[in-house]
């Protein structure tokens, strides 16, 4: 049920922008927990990964996730300053 809600929410926020899902699957196949965050304010979504490293993190489910932009060629942990308001994002966790 949570996955269905996440997919509907994600689709309504970002439409055809599906690169966050394409990064989540390889991470999970490598045993690296992954999630995503979506923003209606920014009409955008980003991947989240449970990895060490520096950079922007987003709290969801009691865990600090490393942000992964998938629509631009930037390093993990980077998020555009004009999209960095944490209150504008919703974390979506996937069952493992």
Protein backbone atom coordinates (compact mmCIF):
# COMPACT_ATOMS: atom_id res chain seq x y z
CA UNK A 1 0.00 0.00 0.00
CA UNK A 2 2.82 2.43 0.87
CA UNK A 3 4.44 1.77 -2.49
CA UNK A 4 1.19 2.53 -4.33
CA UNK A 5 0.78 5.82 -2.46
CA UNK A 6 4.42 6.71 -3.14
CA UNK A 7 4.08 6.05 -6.87
CA UNK A 8 0.86 8.08 -7.13
CA UNK A 9 2.38 10.97 -5.18
CA UNK A 10 5.58 10.82 -7.20
CA UNK A 11 3.68 10.77 -10.50
CA UNK A 12 1.55 13.75 -9.54
CA UNK A 13 4.59 15.78 -8.50
CA UNK A 14 7.12 15.00 -11.23
CA UNK A 15 5.14 13.49 -14.07
CA UNK A 16 7.45 11.70 -16.51
CA UNK A 17 10.67 12.47 -14.60
CA UNK A 18 11.50 8.90 -13.58
CA UNK A 19 15.25 8.91 -13.07
CA UNK A 20 14.91 8.65 -9.27
CA UNK A 21 13.41 5.19 -9.62
CA UNK A 22 16.15 4.12 -12.02
CA UNK A 23 18.82 4.92 -9.42
CA UNK A 24 16.93 3.33 -6.51
CA UNK A 25 16.79 -0.14 -8.05
CA UNK A 26 20.59 -0.53 -8.61
CA UNK A 27 21.27 0.76 -5.09
CA UNK A 28 18.88 -1.75 -3.55
CA UNK A 29 20.34 -4.57 -5.66
CA UNK A 30 23.70 -3.63 -4.12
CA UNK A 31 22.13 -3.87 -0.64
CA UNK A 32 22.24 -0.09 -0.21
CA UNK A 33 18.94 1.21 1.21
CA UNK A 34 17.43 3.90 -0.98
CA UNK A 35 14.43 6.20 -0.81
CA UNK A 36 13.24 9.32 -2.56
CA UNK A 37 12.03 12.77 -1.73
CA UNK A 38 9.48 14.74 -3.70
CA UNK A 39 8.50 18.38 -3.72
CA UNK A 40 5.32 19.88 -5.04
CA UNK A 41 6.81 23.37 -4.57
CA UNK A 42 9.76 22.58 -6.84
CA UNK A 43 7.99 20.03 -9.11
CA UNK A 44 11.00 17.81 -8.59
CA UNK A 45 12.12 14.56 -7.01
CA UNK A 46 15.50 13.33 -5.84
CA UNK A 47 16.94 9.98 -4.82
CA UNK A 48 18.13 9.32 -1.29
CA UNK A 49 20.78 6.77 -0.33
CA UNK A 50 21.98 5.41 3.00
CA UNK A 51 25.65 6.01 2.26
CA UNK A 52 28.53 7.69 4.07
CA UNK A 53 29.79 10.94 2.67
CA UNK A 54 29.55 14.67 2.93
CA UNK A 55 26.87 16.91 1.58
CA UNK A 56 23.18 17.55 1.95
CA UNK A 57 21.15 15.05 3.91
CA UNK A 58 17.41 14.63 4.30
CA UNK A 59 15.79 13.05 7.35
CA UNK A 60 13.13 10.44 6.69
CA UNK A 61 12.09 7.54 8.88
CA UNK A 62 14.60 8.47 11.57
CA UNK A 63 17.54 8.17 9.18
CA UNK A 64 19.73 10.87 7.63
CA UNK A 65 19.80 10.08 3.90
CA UNK A 66 22.40 11.41 1.46
CA UNK A 67 20.74 13.40 -1.33
CA UNK A 68 21.32 12.27 -4.92
CA UNK A 69 20.33 14.57 -7.78
CA UNK A 70 19.59 12.47 -10.84
CA UNK A 71 18.65 15.06 -13.46
CA UNK A 72 21.99 16.86 -13.52
CA UNK A 73 25.60 15.70 -13.57
CA UNK A 74 26.57 16.64 -10.00
CA UNK A 75 28.13 14.74 -7.12
CA UNK A 76 25.99 13.02 -4.53
CA UNK A 77 25.16 15.28 -1.62
CA UNK A 78 24.65 18.38 -3.76
CA UNK A 79 21.30 20.13 -4.03
CA UNK A 80 20.54 23.42 -5.74
CA UNK A 81 20.37 26.24 -3.21
CA UNK A 82 17.03 27.39 -4.61
CA UNK A 83 15.61 23.91 -3.82
CA UNK A 84 17.17 23.41 -0.40
CA UNK A 85 14.22 24.35 1.86
CA UNK A 86 13.71 21.09 3.77
CA UNK A 87 10.09 21.97 4.58
CA UNK A 88 9.27 21.79 0.86
CA UNK A 89 10.21 18.11 0.57
CA UNK A 90 8.43 14.89 1.55
CA UNK A 91 10.43 11.72 2.13
CA UNK A 92 9.13 8.46 0.68
CA UNK A 93 10.47 5.23 2.13
CA UNK A 94 10.18 1.92 0.34
CA UNK A 95 9.65 -1.40 2.10
CA UNK A 96 12.64 -3.72 2.18
